[in-house]
Amino acid sequence: MDIDLDRIEQASALIDPVFLNTPQFFDEQLCAALDKRVLVKVETLNPLRSFKGRGMDLLAREFSPGTRMVCASTGNFGQAVGYTAARHGLSAEVFVPAGIAPVKLTRMASLGARVHEVTDGSAHDAAREFAAAQEDRVLVEDGRHPRIAEGAGTIGVELSAAGEIDTVVLPVGDGSLITGVARWIKEHSPHTHIVGVCAKGAANMVTSWRGDSTPWAEKADTFAEGVAITAPITASVERMRLLVDDMVVVDDSEMLTAMRTALTTLGILPEPAGAAGLAAIATHDLPGTVVATAITGTNVSPSLFGEVLSVD
């Protein structure tokens, strides 16, 4: 296991405080709506509106000033790369697929990232080719670097302080969040059940986690950009097989309902992937009495506002 417990603990003292000690609480309206005691952790009250800054702030510390970090992203990871590059004297080149939410494009650029929109081919392939062209460029892949998972693992440290938790359920994109949190939780509360959530239209991580061969690659068909994984990273899948107890899927309509639930009970509007944990609690029979999840992002495309606010 390359996710180190000591480094997770140390990360709690190293990471930019703007990302740490996020609110976590029981909201009675939310608990009633989901018919479960739900400890909700809000990871969006920071300059990125997502949890991604924890892991990237930890990883960026390992690079020499002037290094050009290169990544592929659908938005939130790219924001984290841009933000941490500016903070640590680095630069950021972010390759994105055509058609991602304009709000994410704007925010990446505002944080200092140079954004390359890929209209023909794979953003991941374009990022790899660009990174390999010069020695001062380093490819940063969410899900591959254990430091990113260790930074995300500080969420597990904070959740553990809340007391006994029967199940932790988290959205799964490239897997850094769930593996980092699970690494800490499983060490300090082995009985706690760890459940990952994917979009039904992008269930590649579920398929890969359940199998015993090379991670499955398949085109994504979901509005949840944050979990629209087409080619799972082998190292991340291997970590998940060691740390994650179960994987479930939710469809786009269930995530949309969960977004409405969060808005009406918490006053927070998550993006689809950010509401995936709530959707799983609402639609799956998860074990235990106390379930914890995180609202992982609120970079919502304005095109979804009408659907969220509409009354059936």
C-alpha atoms as a PDB file:
ATOM      1  CA  MET A   1       0.000   0.000   0.000  1.00  0.00           C
ATOM      2  CA  ASP A   2       1.619   3.223  -1.181  1.00  0.00           C
ATOM      3  CA  ILE A   3      -0.798   5.551   0.662  1.00  0.00           C
ATOM      4  CA  ASP A   4       1.070   6.304   3.870  1.00  0.00           C
ATOM      5  CA  LEU A   5      -0.744   6.928   7.154  1.00  0.00           C
ATOM      6  CA  ASP A   6       2.012   9.125   8.570  1.00  0.00           C
ATOM      7  CA  ARG A   7       1.923  11.339   5.493  1.00  0.00           C
ATOM      8  CA  ILE A   8      -1.855  11.700   5.798  1.00  0.00           C
ATOM      9  CA  GLU A   9      -1.405  12.843   9.394  1.00  0.00           C
ATOM     10  CA  GLN A  10       1.389  15.225   8.427  1.00  0.00           C
ATOM     11  CA  ALA A  11      -0.721  16.606   5.590  1.00  0.00           C
ATOM     12  CA  SER A  12      -3.192  17.966   8.118  1.00  0.00           C
ATOM     13  CA  ALA A  13      -0.475  20.388   9.228  1.00  0.00           C
ATOM     14  CA  LEU A  14       0.909  21.155   5.751  1.00  0.00           C
ATOM     15  CA  ILE A  15      -2.038  21.725   3.437  1.00  0.00           C
ATOM     16  CA  ASP A  16      -3.269  25.257   2.846  1.00  0.00           C
ATOM     17  CA  PRO A  17      -5.670  25.855   5.776  1.00  0.00           C
ATOM     18  CA  VAL A  18      -8.306  27.191   3.378  1.00  0.00           C
ATOM     19  CA  PHE A  19      -9.073  23.552   2.464  1.00  0.00           C
ATOM     20  CA  LEU A  20      -8.959  22.011   5.953  1.00  0.00           C
ATOM     21  CA  ASN A  21     -11.456  21.479   8.785  1.00  0.00           C
ATOM     22  CA  THR A  22     -14.501  21.886   6.575  1.00  0.00           C
ATOM     23  CA  PRO A  23     -17.969  21.893   8.171  1.00  0.00           C
ATOM     24  CA  GLN A  24     -19.416  18.477   9.051  1.00  0.00           C
ATOM     25  CA  PHE A  25     -22.728  18.098  10.827  1.00  0.00           C
ATOM     26  CA  PHE A  26     -26.093  16.346  11.089  1.00  0.00           C
ATOM     27  CA  ASP A  27     -28.889  18.336   9.489  1.00  0.00           C
ATOM     28  CA  GLU A  28     -32.265  17.139  10.758  1.00  0.00           C
ATOM     29  CA  GLN A  29     -34.107  18.022   7.553  1.00  0.00           C
ATOM     30  CA  LEU A  30     -31.574  16.113   5.478  1.00  0.00           C
ATOM     31  CA  CYS A  31     -31.724  13.128   7.807  1.00  0.00           C
ATOM     32  CA  ALA A  32     -35.519  13.100   7.545  1.00  0.00           C
ATOM     33  CA  ALA A  33     -35.418  13.372   3.751  1.00  0.00           C
ATOM     34  CA  LEU A  34     -33.015  10.434   3.484  1.00  0.00           C
ATOM     35  CA  ASP A  35     -34.488   8.430   6.388  1.00  0.00           C
ATOM     36  CA  LYS A  36     -31.004   7.944   7.818  1.00  0.00           C
ATOM     37  CA  ARG A  37     -28.628   9.636  10.255  1.00  0.00           C
ATOM     38  CA  VAL A  38     -26.366  11.372   7.754  1.00  0.00           C
ATOM     39  CA  LEU A  39     -23.173  13.139   8.731  1.00  0.00           C
ATOM     40  CA  VAL A  40     -22.603  15.512   5.819  1.00  0.00           C
ATOM     41  CA  LYS A  41     -19.254  17.165   5.168  1.00  0.00           C
ATOM     42  CA  VAL A  42     -19.242  20.294   3.005  1.00  0.00           C
ATOM     43  CA  GLU A  43     -16.066  20.432   0.890  1.00  0.00           C
ATOM     44  CA  THR A  44     -17.032  23.435  -1.217  1.00  0.00           C
ATOM     45  CA  LEU A  45     -16.438  26.563   0.878  1.00  0.00           C
ATOM     46  CA  ASN A  46     -13.019  27.321  -0.565  1.00  0.00           C
ATOM     47  CA  PRO A  47     -11.518  29.069  -3.645  1.00  0.00           C
ATOM     48  CA  LEU A  48     -12.039  25.946  -5.792  1.00  0.00           C
ATOM     49  CA  ARG A  49     -15.562  25.012  -4.643  1.00  0.00           C
ATOM     50  CA  SER A  50     -14.334  21.410  -4.327  1.00  0.00           C
ATOM     51  CA  PHE A  51     -12.156  19.068  -2.261  1.00  0.00           C
ATOM     52  CA  LYS A  52      -9.457  18.825  -4.946  1.00  0.00           C
ATOM     53  CA  GLY A  53      -7.174  21.413  -3.369  1.00  0.00           C
ATOM     54  CA  ARG A  54      -6.222  19.116  -0.493  1.00  0.00           C
ATOM     55  CA  GLY A  55      -4.391  16.578  -2.621  1.00  0.00           C
ATOM     56  CA  MET A  56      -2.904  18.968  -5.139  1.00  0.00           C
ATOM     57  CA  ASP A  57      -1.546  21.296  -2.474  1.00  0.00           C
ATOM     58  CA  LEU A  58       0.310  18.344  -0.962  1.00  0.00           C
ATOM     59  CA  LEU A  59       1.669  17.086  -4.288  1.00  0.00           C
ATOM     60  CA  ALA A  60       2.717  20.532  -5.577  1.00  0.00           C
ATOM     61  CA  ARG A  61       5.140  20.885  -2.682  1.00  0.00           C
ATOM     62  CA  GLU A  62       7.317  18.169  -4.235  1.00  0.00           C
ATOM     63  CA  PHE A  63       8.070  20.109  -7.441  1.00  0.00           C
ATOM     64  CA  SER A  64      10.888  22.621  -7.976  1.00  0.00           C
ATOM     65  CA  PRO A  65       9.922  26.264  -8.598  1.00  0.00           C
ATOM     66  CA  GLY A  66       9.344  26.891 -12.281  1.00  0.00           C
ATOM     67  CA  THR A  67       8.036  23.394 -12.982  1.00  0.00           C
ATOM     68  CA  ARG A  68       5.137  23.338 -15.420  1.00  0.00           C
ATOM     69  CA  MET A  69       2.415  20.989 -14.194  1.00  0.00           C
ATOM     70  CA  VAL A  70       0.359  19.439 -17.006  1.00  0.00           C
ATOM     71  CA  CYS A  71      -2.963  17.658 -16.559  1.00  0.00           C
ATOM     72  CA  ALA A  72      -6.191  16.616 -18.217  1.00  0.00           C
ATOM     73  CA  SER A  73      -9.376  17.595 -16.414  1.00  0.00           C
ATOM     74  CA  THR A  74     -13.098  18.179 -16.736  1.00  0.00           C
ATOM     75  CA  GLY A  75     -12.776  21.184 -14.428  1.00  0.00           C
ATOM     76  CA  ASN A  76     -12.317  20.755 -10.692  1.00  0.00           C
ATOM     77  CA  PHE A  77      -8.911  19.052 -10.828  1.00  0.00           C
ATOM     78  CA  GLY A  78      -7.748  21.669 -13.323  1.00  0.00           C
ATOM     79  CA  GLN A  79      -8.757  24.413 -10.911  1.00  0.00           C
ATOM     80  CA  ALA A  80      -6.732  22.728  -8.175  1.00  0.00           C
ATOM     81  CA  VAL A  81      -3.678  22.454 -10.420  1.00  0.00           C
ATOM     82  CA  GLY A  82      -3.979  26.137 -11.373  1.00  0.00           C
ATOM     83  CA  TYR A  83      -4.465  27.326  -7.796  1.00  0.00           C
ATOM     84  CA  THR A  84      -1.611  25.316  -6.296  1.00  0.00           C
ATOM     85  CA  ALA A  85       0.734  26.160  -9.166  1.00  0.00           C
ATOM     86  CA  ALA A  86       0.301  29.867  -8.471  1.00  0.00           C
ATOM     87  CA  ARG A  87       0.762  29.323  -4.732  1.00  0.00           C
ATOM     88  CA  HIS A  88       3.980  27.292  -5.054  1.00  0.00           C
ATOM     89  CA  GLY A  89       5.784  29.152  -7.843  1.00  0.00           C
ATOM     90  CA  LEU A  90       4.833  26.702 -10.577  1.00  0.00           C
ATOM     91  CA  SER A  91       2.771  27.019 -13.747  1.00  0.00           C
ATOM     92  CA  ALA A  92      -0.220  25.028 -14.956  1.00  0.00           C
ATOM     93  CA  GLU A  93      -1.266  23.683 -18.360  1.00  0.00           C
ATOM     94  CA  VAL A  94      -4.716  22.082 -18.331  1.00  0.00           C
ATOM     95  CA  PHE A  95      -6.172  20.088 -21.220  1.00  0.00           C
ATOM     96  CA  VAL A  96      -9.942  19.753 -21.242  1.00  0.00           C
ATOM     97  CA  PRO A  97     -12.417  17.979 -23.527  1.00  0.00           C
ATOM     98  CA  ALA A  98     -14.620  20.166 -25.670  1.00  0.00           C
ATOM     99  CA  GLY A  99     -18.000  21.017 -24.214  1.00  0.00           C
ATOM    100  CA  ILE A 100     -17.290  21.026 -20.475  1.00  0.00           C
ATOM    101  CA  ALA A 101     -19.211  23.427 -18.264  1.00  0.00           C
ATOM    102  CA  PRO A 102     -18.269  27.052 -19.118  1.00  0.00           C
ATOM    103  CA  VAL A 103     -18.168  27.923 -15.413  1.00  0.00           C
ATOM    104  CA  LYS A 104     -15.286  25.485 -14.966  1.00  0.00           C
ATOM    105  CA  LEU A 105     -13.391  26.853 -17.972  1.00  0.00           C
ATOM    106  CA  THR A 106     -13.708  30.379 -16.628  1.00  0.00           C
ATOM    107  CA  ARG A 107     -12.653  29.443 -13.126  1.00  0.00           C
ATOM    108  CA  MET A 108      -9.595  27.473 -14.286  1.00  0.00           C
ATOM    109  CA  ALA A 109      -8.388  30.460 -16.280  1.00  0.00           C
ATOM    110  CA  SER A 110      -9.095  32.873 -13.424  1.00  0.00           C
ATOM    111  CA  LEU A 111      -6.909  30.779 -11.124  1.00  0.00           C
ATOM    112  CA  GLY A 112      -3.943  31.078 -13.451  1.00  0.00           C
ATOM    113  CA  ALA A 113      -4.126  27.886 -15.502  1.00  0.00           C
ATOM    114  CA  ARG A 114      -3.476  27.964 -19.232  1.00  0.00           C
ATOM    115  CA  VAL A 115      -6.423  25.998 -20.614  1.00  0.00           C
ATOM    116  CA  HIS A 116      -6.264  23.982 -23.834  1.00  0.00           C
ATOM    117  CA  GLU A 117      -9.657  22.830 -25.127  1.00  0.00           C
ATOM    118  CA  VAL A 118      -9.248  19.603 -27.124  1.00  0.00           C
ATOM    119  CA  THR A 119     -11.814  19.339 -29.887  1.00  0.00           C
ATOM    120  CA  ASP A 120     -10.280  16.418 -31.761  1.00  0.00           C
ATOM    121  CA  GLY A 121      -9.018  13.435 -29.800  1.00  0.00           C
ATOM    122  CA  SER A 122      -8.429  12.742 -26.103  1.00  0.00           C
ATOM    123  CA  ALA A 123      -7.564  15.446 -23.590  1.00  0.00           C
ATOM    124  CA  HIS A 124      -5.536  12.856 -21.668  1.00  0.00           C
ATOM    125  CA  ASP A 125      -3.488  11.954 -24.764  1.00  0.00           C
ATOM    126  CA  ALA A 126      -2.925  15.623 -25.574  1.00  0.00           C
ATOM    127  CA  ALA A 127      -1.724  16.302 -22.022  1.00  0.00           C
ATOM    128  CA  ARG A 128       0.699  13.364 -22.109  1.00  0.00           C
ATOM    129  CA  GLU A 129       2.142  14.454 -25.451  1.00  0.00           C
ATOM    130  CA  PHE A 130       2.556  18.047 -24.268  1.00  0.00           C
ATOM    131  CA  ALA A 131       4.210  16.985 -20.988  1.00  0.00           C
ATOM    132  CA  ALA A 132       6.691  14.714 -22.752  1.00  0.00           C
ATOM    133  CA  ALA A 133       7.886  17.464 -25.100  1.00  0.00           C
ATOM    134  CA  GLN A 134      10.069  19.346 -22.578  1.00  0.00           C
ATOM    135  CA  GLU A 135      11.958  18.404 -19.411  1.00  0.00           C
ATOM    136  CA  ASP A 136      10.471  21.196 -17.291  1.00  0.00           C
ATOM    137  CA  ARG A 137       6.971  19.729 -17.735  1.00  0.00           C
ATOM    138  CA  VAL A 138       5.513  17.083 -15.425  1.00  0.00           C
ATOM    139  CA  LEU A 139       2.319  15.160 -16.074  1.00  0.00           C
ATOM    140  CA  VAL A 140       0.009  15.167 -13.054  1.00  0.00           C
ATOM    141  CA  GLU A 141      -2.702  12.493 -13.064  1.00  0.00           C
ATOM    142  CA  ASP A 142      -5.418  12.407 -10.451  1.00  0.00           C
ATOM    143  CA  GLY A 143      -5.648   8.815  -9.240  1.00  0.00           C
ATOM    144  CA  ARG A 144      -2.042   7.896 -10.019  1.00  0.00           C
ATOM    145  CA  HIS A 145      -0.084   9.939  -7.455  1.00  0.00           C
ATOM    146  CA  PRO A 146      -0.358   8.626  -3.869  1.00  0.00           C
ATOM    147  CA  ARG A 147       0.286  12.162  -2.539  1.00  0.00           C
ATOM    148  CA  ILE A 148      -3.036  13.303  -4.000  1.00  0.00           C
ATOM    149  CA  ALA A 149      -4.813  10.480  -2.176  1.00  0.00           C
ATOM    150  CA  GLU A 150      -2.929  11.290   1.031  1.00  0.00           C
ATOM    151  CA  GLY A 151      -4.050  14.892   0.835  1.00  0.00           C
ATOM    152  CA  ALA A 152      -7.644  13.776   0.335  1.00  0.00           C
ATOM    153  CA  GLY A 153      -7.131  11.413   3.257  1.00  0.00           C
ATOM    154  CA  THR A 154      -7.200  14.391   5.619  1.00  0.00           C
ATOM    155  CA  ILE A 155     -10.975  14.288   5.097  1.00  0.00           C
ATOM    156  CA  GLY A 156     -10.865  10.894   6.787  1.00  0.00           C
ATOM    157  CA  VAL A 157      -8.933  12.369   9.707  1.00  0.00           C
ATOM    158  CA  GLU A 158     -11.630  15.000  10.179  1.00  0.00           C
ATOM    159  CA  LEU A 159     -14.521  12.557   9.797  1.00  0.00           C
ATOM    160  CA  SER A 160     -12.976  10.273  12.424  1.00  0.00           C
ATOM    161  CA  ALA A 161     -13.178  13.078  14.961  1.00  0.00           C
ATOM    162  CA  ALA A 162     -16.989  13.001  14.698  1.00  0.00           C
ATOM    163  CA  GLY A 163     -17.294   9.648  16.473  1.00  0.00           C
ATOM    164  CA  GLU A 164     -18.654   6.287  15.384  1.00  0.00           C
ATOM    165  CA  ILE A 165     -19.589   6.019  11.703  1.00  0.00           C
ATOM    166  CA  ASP A 166     -21.086   2.847  10.276  1.00  0.00           C
ATOM    167  CA  THR A 167     -20.643   3.655   6.582  1.00  0.00           C
ATOM    168  CA  VAL A 168     -18.734   6.257   4.578  1.00  0.00           C
ATOM    169  CA  VAL A 169     -20.089   6.740   1.060  1.00  0.00           C
ATOM    170  CA  LEU A 170     -18.165   8.892  -1.429  1.00  0.00           C
ATOM    171  CA  PRO A 171     -18.272   9.764  -5.134  1.00  0.00           C
ATOM    172  CA  VAL A 172     -15.620   7.997  -7.189  1.00  0.00           C
ATOM    173  CA  GLY A 173     -13.921   9.723 -10.081  1.00  0.00           C
ATOM    174  CA  ASP A 174     -10.271   8.721 -10.445  1.00  0.00           C
ATOM    175  CA  GLY A 175     -10.322   7.247  -6.938  1.00  0.00           C
ATOM    176  CA  SER A 176      -8.000   9.516  -4.948  1.00  0.00           C
ATOM    177  CA  LEU A 177     -10.739  10.723  -2.615  1.00  0.00           C
ATOM    178  CA  ILE A 178     -12.120   7.351  -1.596  1.00  0.00           C
ATOM    179  CA  THR A 179      -8.746   5.622  -1.302  1.00  0.00           C
ATOM    180  CA  GLY A 180      -7.226   8.375   0.820  1.00  0.00           C
ATOM    181  CA  VAL A 181     -10.220   8.545   3.145  1.00  0.00           C
ATOM    182  CA  ALA A 182     -10.558   4.765   3.315  1.00  0.00           C
ATOM    183  CA  ARG A 183      -6.864   4.324   4.143  1.00  0.00           C
ATOM    184  CA  TRP A 184      -7.269   6.420   7.282  1.00  0.00           C
ATOM    185  CA  ILE A 185     -10.733   5.205   8.275  1.00  0.00           C
ATOM    186  CA  LYS A 186      -9.905   1.501   7.900  1.00  0.00           C
ATOM    187  CA  GLU A 187      -6.838   1.876  10.109  1.00  0.00           C
ATOM    188  CA  HIS A 188      -8.702   3.667  12.902  1.00  0.00           C
ATOM    189  CA  SER A 189     -12.190   2.176  12.543  1.00  0.00           C
ATOM    190  CA  PRO A 190     -11.896  -1.200  10.771  1.00  0.00           C
ATOM    191  CA  HIS A 191     -15.610  -1.967  11.114  1.00  0.00           C
ATOM    192  CA  THR A 192     -16.630   1.109   9.105  1.00  0.00           C
ATOM    193  CA  HIS A 193     -17.990   0.162   5.677  1.00  0.00           C
ATOM    194  CA  ILE A 194     -16.537   2.099   2.718  1.00  0.00           C
ATOM    195  CA  VAL A 195     -18.828   2.516  -0.304  1.00  0.00           C
ATOM    196  CA  GLY A 196     -17.962   4.195  -3.592  1.00  0.00           C
ATOM    197  CA  VAL A 197     -20.512   5.777  -5.939  1.00  0.00           C
ATOM    198  CA  CYS A 198     -20.270   6.075  -9.717  1.00  0.00           C
ATOM    199  CA  ALA A 199     -22.665   7.368 -12.322  1.00  0.00           C
ATOM    200  CA  LYS A 200     -24.610   4.642 -14.087  1.00  0.00           C
ATOM    201  CA  GLY A 201     -23.499   6.131 -17.387  1.00  0.00           C
ATOM    202  CA  ALA A 202     -19.837   6.057 -16.343  1.00  0.00           C
ATOM    203  CA  ALA A 203     -19.466   2.854 -14.353  1.00  0.00           C
ATOM    204  CA  ASN A 204     -15.955   2.019 -15.541  1.00  0.00           C
ATOM    205  CA  MET A 205     -14.476   2.206 -12.028  1.00  0.00           C
ATOM    206  CA  VAL A 206     -17.153  -0.181 -10.752  1.00  0.00           C
ATOM    207  CA  THR A 207     -16.485  -2.639 -13.561  1.00  0.00           C
ATOM    208  CA  SER A 208     -12.732  -2.419 -12.981  1.00  0.00           C
ATOM    209  CA  TRP A 209     -13.031  -2.756  -9.196  1.00  0.00           C
ATOM    210  CA  ARG A 210     -15.156  -5.901  -9.563  1.00  0.00           C
ATOM    211  CA  GLY A 211     -12.843  -7.540 -12.090  1.00  0.00           C
ATOM    212  CA  ASP A 212      -9.384  -9.021 -11.860  1.00  0.00           C
ATOM    213  CA  SER A 213      -7.958  -7.791 -15.150  1.00  0.00           C
ATOM    214  CA  THR A 214      -6.842  -4.509 -16.741  1.00  0.00           C
ATOM    215  CA  PRO A 215      -9.182  -1.623 -15.834  1.00  0.00           C
ATOM    216  CA  TRP A 216     -12.093  -1.363 -18.208  1.00  0.00           C
ATOM    217  CA  ALA A 217     -12.300   1.583 -20.591  1.00  0.00           C
ATOM    218  CA  GLU A 218     -15.648   2.689 -21.973  1.00  0.00           C
ATOM    219  CA  LYS A 219     -17.187   5.945 -23.164  1.00  0.00           C
ATOM    220  CA  ALA A 220     -19.047   7.906 -20.479  1.00  0.00           C
ATOM    221  CA  ASP A 221     -22.678   8.961 -20.861  1.00  0.00           C
ATOM    222  CA  THR A 222     -23.588  11.156 -17.902  1.00  0.00           C
ATOM    223  CA  PHE A 223     -24.000  14.817 -17.008  1.00  0.00           C
ATOM    224  CA  ALA A 224     -21.803  14.272 -13.928  1.00  0.00           C
ATOM    225  CA  GLU A 225     -18.476  15.470 -15.352  1.00  0.00           C
ATOM    226  CA  GLY A 226     -16.641  14.934 -12.080  1.00  0.00           C
ATOM    227  CA  VAL A 227     -17.114  11.156 -12.203  1.00  0.00           C
ATOM    228  CA  ALA A 228     -17.175  10.662 -15.995  1.00  0.00           C
ATOM    229  CA  ILE A 229     -14.137   8.384 -16.064  1.00  0.00           C
ATOM    230  CA  THR A 230     -13.403   6.657 -19.365  1.00  0.00           C
ATOM    231  CA  ALA A 231     -10.048   4.996 -18.636  1.00  0.00           C
ATOM    232  CA  PRO A 232      -9.460   4.015 -14.978  1.00  0.00           C
ATOM    233  CA  ILE A 233      -5.883   4.171 -13.711  1.00  0.00           C
ATOM    234  CA  THR A 234      -4.600   0.725 -12.741  1.00  0.00           C
ATOM    235  CA  ALA A 235      -2.842   1.865  -9.557  1.00  0.00           C
ATOM    236  CA  SER A 236      -6.001   3.545  -8.288  1.00  0.00           C
ATOM    237  CA  VAL A 237      -8.150   0.479  -9.001  1.00  0.00           C
ATOM    238  CA  GLU A 238      -5.669  -1.736  -7.153  1.00  0.00           C
ATOM    239  CA  ARG A 239      -5.833   0.536  -4.106  1.00  0.00           C
ATOM    240  CA  MET A 240      -9.625   0.482  -4.229  1.00  0.00           C
ATOM    241  CA  ARG A 241      -9.691  -3.308  -4.288  1.00  0.00           C
ATOM    242  CA  LEU A 242      -7.768  -3.286  -1.002  1.00  0.00           C
ATOM    243  CA  LEU A 243      -9.706  -0.510   0.719  1.00  0.00           C
ATOM    244  CA  VAL A 244     -13.267  -0.256  -0.632  1.00  0.00           C
ATOM    245  CA  ASP A 245     -15.996  -2.645   0.582  1.00  0.00           C
ATOM    246  CA  ASP A 246     -18.665  -1.970  -2.026  1.00  0.00           C
ATOM    247  CA  MET A 247     -19.430   0.068  -5.132  1.00  0.00           C
ATOM    248  CA  VAL A 248     -22.854   1.279  -6.284  1.00  0.00           C
ATOM    249  CA  VAL A 249     -24.187   3.337  -9.177  1.00  0.00           C
ATOM    250  CA  VAL A 250     -26.746   6.142  -9.417  1.00  0.00           C
ATOM    251  CA  ASP A 251     -28.300   7.531 -12.567  1.00  0.00           C
ATOM    252  CA  ASP A 252     -28.497  11.156 -13.671  1.00  0.00           C
ATOM    253  CA  SER A 253     -32.092  11.580 -12.489  1.00  0.00           C
ATOM    254  CA  GLU A 254     -31.153  10.348  -9.012  1.00  0.00           C
ATOM    255  CA  MET A 255     -28.253  12.797  -8.819  1.00  0.00           C
ATOM    256  CA  LEU A 256     -30.559  15.597  -9.969  1.00  0.00           C
ATOM    257  CA  THR A 257     -32.997  14.702  -7.160  1.00  0.00           C
ATOM    258  CA  ALA A 258     -30.114  14.689  -4.672  1.00  0.00           C
ATOM    259  CA  MET A 259     -29.077  18.149  -5.867  1.00  0.00           C
ATOM    260  CA  ARG A 260     -32.594  19.374  -5.110  1.00  0.00           C
ATOM    261  CA  THR A 261     -32.513  17.669  -1.716  1.00  0.00           C
ATOM    262  CA  ALA A 262     -29.253  19.387  -0.800  1.00  0.00           C
ATOM    263  CA  LEU A 263     -30.591  22.743  -1.935  1.00  0.00           C
ATOM    264  CA  THR A 264     -33.846  22.498   0.023  1.00  0.00           C
ATOM    265  CA  THR A 265     -32.336  21.054   3.210  1.00  0.00           C
ATOM    266  CA  LEU A 266     -28.800  22.454   3.392  1.00  0.00           C
ATOM    267  CA  GLY A 267     -29.082  25.538   1.215  1.00  0.00           C
ATOM    268  CA  ILE A 268     -26.225  24.199  -0.931  1.00  0.00           C
ATOM    269  CA  LEU A 269     -26.416  23.397  -4.637  1.00  0.00           C
ATOM    270  CA  PRO A 270     -23.913  20.636  -5.472  1.00  0.00           C
ATOM    271  CA  GLU A 271     -22.831  19.794  -8.968  1.00  0.00           C
ATOM    272  CA  PRO A 272     -24.063  16.327 -10.062  1.00  0.00           C
ATOM    273  CA  ALA A 273     -20.942  14.427  -8.967  1.00  0.00           C
ATOM    274  CA  GLY A 274     -20.910  16.382  -5.708  1.00  0.00           C
ATOM    275  CA  ALA A 275     -24.378  15.038  -4.901  1.00  0.00           C
ATOM    276  CA  ALA A 276     -23.622  11.416  -5.817  1.00  0.00           C
ATOM    277  CA  GLY A 277     -23.126  10.352  -2.194  1.00  0.00           C
ATOM    278  CA  LEU A 278     -26.518  11.757  -1.206  1.00  0.00           C
ATOM    279  CA  ALA A 279     -28.083  10.022  -4.215  1.00  0.00           C
ATOM    280  CA  ALA A 280     -26.613   6.693  -3.127  1.00  0.00           C
ATOM    281  CA  ILE A 281     -27.944   7.081   0.409  1.00  0.00           C
ATOM    282  CA  ALA A 282     -31.394   7.856  -0.981  1.00  0.00           C
ATOM    283  CA  THR A 283     -31.536   4.929  -3.410  1.00  0.00           C
ATOM    284  CA  HIS A 284     -29.442   2.113  -1.903  1.00  0.00           C
ATOM    285  CA  ASP A 285     -29.834   0.148   1.315  1.00  0.00           C
ATOM    286  CA  LEU A 286     -26.502   1.022   2.883  1.00  0.00           C
ATOM    287  CA  PRO A 287     -25.474  -0.738   6.098  1.00  0.00           C
ATOM    288  CA  GLY A 288     -25.606   0.842   9.522  1.00  0.00           C
ATOM    289  CA  THR A 289     -27.380   3.645  11.311  1.00  0.00           C
ATOM    290  CA  VAL A 290     -24.901   6.504  10.879  1.00  0.00           C
ATOM    291  CA  VAL A 291     -23.711   7.209   7.336  1.00  0.00           C
ATOM    292  CA  ALA A 292     -21.202   9.889   6.373  1.00  0.00           C
ATOM    293  CA  THR A 293     -20.771  11.522   2.981  1.00  0.00           C
ATOM    294  CA  ALA A 294     -19.270  14.655   1.458  1.00  0.00           C
ATOM    295  CA  ILE A 295     -20.605  17.323  -0.854  1.00  0.00           C
ATOM    296  CA  THR A 296     -17.504  17.295  -3.037  1.00  0.00           C
ATOM    297  CA  GLY A 297     -18.130  20.124  -5.498  1.00  0.00           C
ATOM    298  CA  THR A 298     -20.478  23.003  -6.337  1.00  0.00           C
ATOM    299  CA  ASN A 299     -19.279  24.088  -9.763  1.00  0.00           C
ATOM    300  CA  VAL A 300     -22.728  23.687 -11.284  1.00  0.00           C
ATOM    301  CA  SER A 301     -23.349  24.513 -14.910  1.00  0.00           C
ATOM    302  CA  PRO A 302     -25.973  27.289 -15.119  1.00  0.00           C
ATOM    303  CA  SER A 303     -27.735  25.175 -17.735  1.00  0.00           C
ATOM    304  CA  LEU A 304     -28.833  22.873 -14.896  1.00  0.00           C
ATOM    305  CA  PHE A 305     -30.340  25.585 -12.702  1.00  0.00           C
ATOM    306  CA  GLY A 306     -33.764  25.334 -14.330  1.00  0.00           C
ATOM    307  CA  GLU A 307     -33.919  21.556 -13.956  1.00  0.00           C
ATOM    308  CA  VAL A 308     -32.902  21.683 -10.303  1.00  0.00           C
ATOM    309  CA  LEU A 309     -35.409  24.394  -9.472  1.00  0.00           C
ATOM    310  CA  SER A 310     -38.281  22.938 -11.461  1.00  0.00           C
ATOM    311  CA  VAL A 311     -41.144  21.346  -9.555  1.00  0.00           C
ATOM    312  CA  ASP A 312     -42.360  17.964 -10.773  1.00  0.00           C
END
